[in-house]
Amino acid sequence: MFTSLFGRCIGIFSAVAVLLLFFFPLVTGPFPATHGPATIFRLKWAVLMLLLSMVIAAFRIASMRLVKARLACARLAEAREHIRRDVTPAALMRVLRC
């Protein structure tokens, strides 16, 4: 009888203590005791989101550079199409005449 009453008291006391930690965190003390365990998960989530946003930004910058490089190649190819190359001997002789 004594052990079951003692076990019940310990169980109820520990449940109340855990609920008090969740609902009324301490003002000073270790981080989980002052801010509750949920903020640790928020911190991990925030760090994960920060890393993910950095990776996304890096991919966006890389894709913009790729698009700019493709545009530059397209402009160069377009400019080369407009250049007429006349390498016949008569054309070369015309250049040498004064």
C-alpha atoms as a PDB file:
ATOM      1  CA  MET A   1       0.000   0.000   0.000  1.00  0.00           C
ATOM      2  CA  PHE A   2       2.817   2.376   0.916  1.00  0.00           C
ATOM      3  CA  THR A   3       4.729   1.783  -2.351  1.00  0.00           C
ATOM      4  CA  SER A   4       1.719   2.381  -4.572  1.00  0.00           C
ATOM      5  CA  LEU A   5       0.883   5.612  -2.727  1.00  0.00           C
ATOM      6  CA  PHE A   6       4.521   6.702  -2.989  1.00  0.00           C
ATOM      7  CA  GLY A   7       4.579   5.853  -6.707  1.00  0.00           C
ATOM      8  CA  ARG A   8       1.392   7.814  -7.315  1.00  0.00           C
ATOM      9  CA  CYS A   9       2.753  10.846  -5.448  1.00  0.00           C
ATOM     10  CA  ILE A  10       6.024  10.746  -7.400  1.00  0.00           C
ATOM     11  CA  GLY A  11       4.133  10.384 -10.698  1.00  0.00           C
ATOM     12  CA  ILE A  12       1.763  13.254  -9.938  1.00  0.00           C
ATOM     13  CA  PHE A  13       4.603  15.445  -8.672  1.00  0.00           C
ATOM     14  CA  SER A  14       6.735  14.801 -11.764  1.00  0.00           C
ATOM     15  CA  ALA A  15       3.774  15.465 -14.092  1.00  0.00           C
ATOM     16  CA  VAL A  16       3.032  18.751 -12.306  1.00  0.00           C
ATOM     17  CA  ALA A  17       6.734  19.714 -12.412  1.00  0.00           C
ATOM     18  CA  VAL A  18       6.950  19.047 -16.162  1.00  0.00           C
ATOM     19  CA  LEU A  19       3.754  21.003 -16.811  1.00  0.00           C
ATOM     20  CA  LEU A  20       5.083  23.880 -14.722  1.00  0.00           C
ATOM     21  CA  LEU A  21       8.282  23.910 -16.812  1.00  0.00           C
ATOM     22  CA  PHE A  22       6.260  24.017 -20.028  1.00  0.00           C
ATOM     23  CA  PHE A  23       3.762  26.667 -18.953  1.00  0.00           C
ATOM     24  CA  PHE A  24       5.938  28.792 -16.642  1.00  0.00           C
ATOM     25  CA  PRO A  25       9.604  28.738 -17.755  1.00  0.00           C
ATOM     26  CA  LEU A  26      12.257  30.096 -15.391  1.00  0.00           C
ATOM     27  CA  VAL A  27      13.622  33.622 -15.706  1.00  0.00           C
ATOM     28  CA  THR A  28      17.258  32.560 -15.262  1.00  0.00           C
ATOM     29  CA  GLY A  29      18.937  29.255 -15.865  1.00  0.00           C
ATOM     30  CA  PRO A  30      19.866  27.019 -18.771  1.00  0.00           C
ATOM     31  CA  PHE A  31      18.384  27.763 -22.172  1.00  0.00           C
ATOM     32  CA  PRO A  32      15.774  24.951 -22.217  1.00  0.00           C
ATOM     33  CA  ALA A  33      14.621  25.814 -18.700  1.00  0.00           C
ATOM     34  CA  THR A  34      14.236  29.548 -19.421  1.00  0.00           C
ATOM     35  CA  HIS A  35      12.767  29.372 -22.914  1.00  0.00           C
ATOM     36  CA  GLY A  36      11.178  25.952 -22.960  1.00  0.00           C
ATOM     37  CA  PRO A  37      12.067  23.035 -25.225  1.00  0.00           C
ATOM     38  CA  ALA A  38      10.015  24.341 -28.142  1.00  0.00           C
ATOM     39  CA  THR A  39      12.449  27.186 -28.783  1.00  0.00           C
ATOM     40  CA  ILE A  40      15.275  24.712 -29.328  1.00  0.00           C
ATOM     41  CA  PHE A  41      13.239  23.180 -32.126  1.00  0.00           C
ATOM     42  CA  ARG A  42      12.507  26.667 -33.458  1.00  0.00           C
ATOM     43  CA  LEU A  43      16.224  27.417 -33.395  1.00  0.00           C
ATOM     44  CA  LYS A  44      17.013  24.255 -35.346  1.00  0.00           C
ATOM     45  CA  TRP A  45      14.233  25.083 -37.800  1.00  0.00           C
ATOM     46  CA  ALA A  46      15.546  28.642 -38.214  1.00  0.00           C
ATOM     47  CA  VAL A  47      19.086  27.382 -38.860  1.00  0.00           C
ATOM     48  CA  LEU A  48      17.757  24.885 -41.387  1.00  0.00           C
ATOM     49  CA  MET A  49      15.744  27.618 -43.145  1.00  0.00           C
ATOM     50  CA  LEU A  50      18.807  29.897 -43.176  1.00  0.00           C
ATOM     51  CA  LEU A  51      20.952  27.211 -44.785  1.00  0.00           C
ATOM     52  CA  LEU A  52      18.220  26.359 -47.265  1.00  0.00           C
ATOM     53  CA  SER A  53      17.783  30.006 -48.254  1.00  0.00           C
ATOM     54  CA  MET A  54      21.556  30.322 -48.745  1.00  0.00           C
ATOM     55  CA  VAL A  55      21.565  27.295 -51.058  1.00  0.00           C
ATOM     56  CA  ILE A  56      18.581  28.642 -53.005  1.00  0.00           C
ATOM     57  CA  ALA A  57      20.278  32.046 -53.364  1.00  0.00           C
ATOM     58  CA  ALA A  58      23.463  30.373 -54.602  1.00  0.00           C
ATOM     59  CA  PHE A  59      21.500  28.430 -57.219  1.00  0.00           C
ATOM     60  CA  ARG A  60      19.703  31.601 -58.324  1.00  0.00           C
ATOM     61  CA  ILE A  61      23.006  33.445 -58.738  1.00  0.00           C
ATOM     62  CA  ALA A  62      24.488  30.521 -60.658  1.00  0.00           C
ATOM     63  CA  SER A  63      21.456  30.331 -62.929  1.00  0.00           C
ATOM     64  CA  MET A  64      21.558  34.097 -63.574  1.00  0.00           C
ATOM     65  CA  ARG A  65      25.219  33.839 -64.530  1.00  0.00           C
ATOM     66  CA  LEU A  66      24.399  30.922 -66.827  1.00  0.00           C
ATOM     67  CA  VAL A  67      21.622  32.911 -68.487  1.00  0.00           C
ATOM     68  CA  LYS A  68      23.919  35.934 -68.908  1.00  0.00           C
ATOM     69  CA  ALA A  69      26.605  33.716 -70.442  1.00  0.00           C
ATOM     70  CA  ARG A  70      24.091  32.211 -72.857  1.00  0.00           C
ATOM     71  CA  LEU A  71      22.855  35.664 -73.830  1.00  0.00           C
ATOM     72  CA  ALA A  72      26.420  36.831 -74.434  1.00  0.00           C
ATOM     73  CA  CYS A  73      27.105  33.784 -76.631  1.00  0.00           C
ATOM     74  CA  ALA A  74      23.890  34.375 -78.553  1.00  0.00           C
ATOM     75  CA  ARG A  75      24.768  38.040 -79.112  1.00  0.00           C
ATOM     76  CA  LEU A  76      28.251  37.075 -80.267  1.00  0.00           C
ATOM     77  CA  ALA A  77      26.858  34.508 -82.670  1.00  0.00           C
ATOM     78  CA  GLU A  78      24.367  37.061 -83.965  1.00  0.00           C
ATOM     79  CA  ALA A  79      27.153  39.595 -84.479  1.00  0.00           C
ATOM     80  CA  ARG A  80      29.233  37.032 -86.347  1.00  0.00           C
ATOM     81  CA  GLU A  81      26.352  36.360 -88.723  1.00  0.00           C
ATOM     82  CA  HIS A  82      26.282  40.005 -89.768  1.00  0.00           C
ATOM     83  CA  ILE A  83      29.993  40.098 -90.563  1.00  0.00           C
ATOM     84  CA  ARG A  84      30.620  39.229 -94.173  1.00  0.00           C
ATOM     85  CA  ARG A  85      33.868  37.545 -94.854  1.00  0.00           C
ATOM     86  CA  ASP A  86      35.060  37.941 -98.377  1.00  0.00           C
ATOM     87  CA  VAL A  87      38.380  36.164 -98.737  1.00  0.00           C
ATOM     88  CA  THR A  88      38.534  35.825-102.497  1.00  0.00           C
ATOM     89  CA  PRO A  89      41.794  37.012-104.108  1.00  0.00           C
ATOM     90  CA  ALA A  90      39.995  39.802-105.933  1.00  0.00           C
ATOM     91  CA  ALA A  91      38.608  41.114-102.659  1.00  0.00           C
ATOM     92  CA  LEU A  92      42.039  40.971-101.061  1.00  0.00           C
ATOM     93  CA  MET A  93      43.531  42.868-104.005  1.00  0.00           C
ATOM     94  CA  ARG A  94      40.887  45.588-103.605  1.00  0.00           C
ATOM     95  CA  VAL A  95      42.038  46.167-100.070  1.00  0.00           C
ATOM     96  CA  LEU A  96      45.656  46.561-101.169  1.00  0.00           C
ATOM     97  CA  ARG A  97      44.870  49.140-103.841  1.00  0.00           C
ATOM     98  CA  CYS A  98      45.200  52.733-102.828  1.00  0.00           C
END
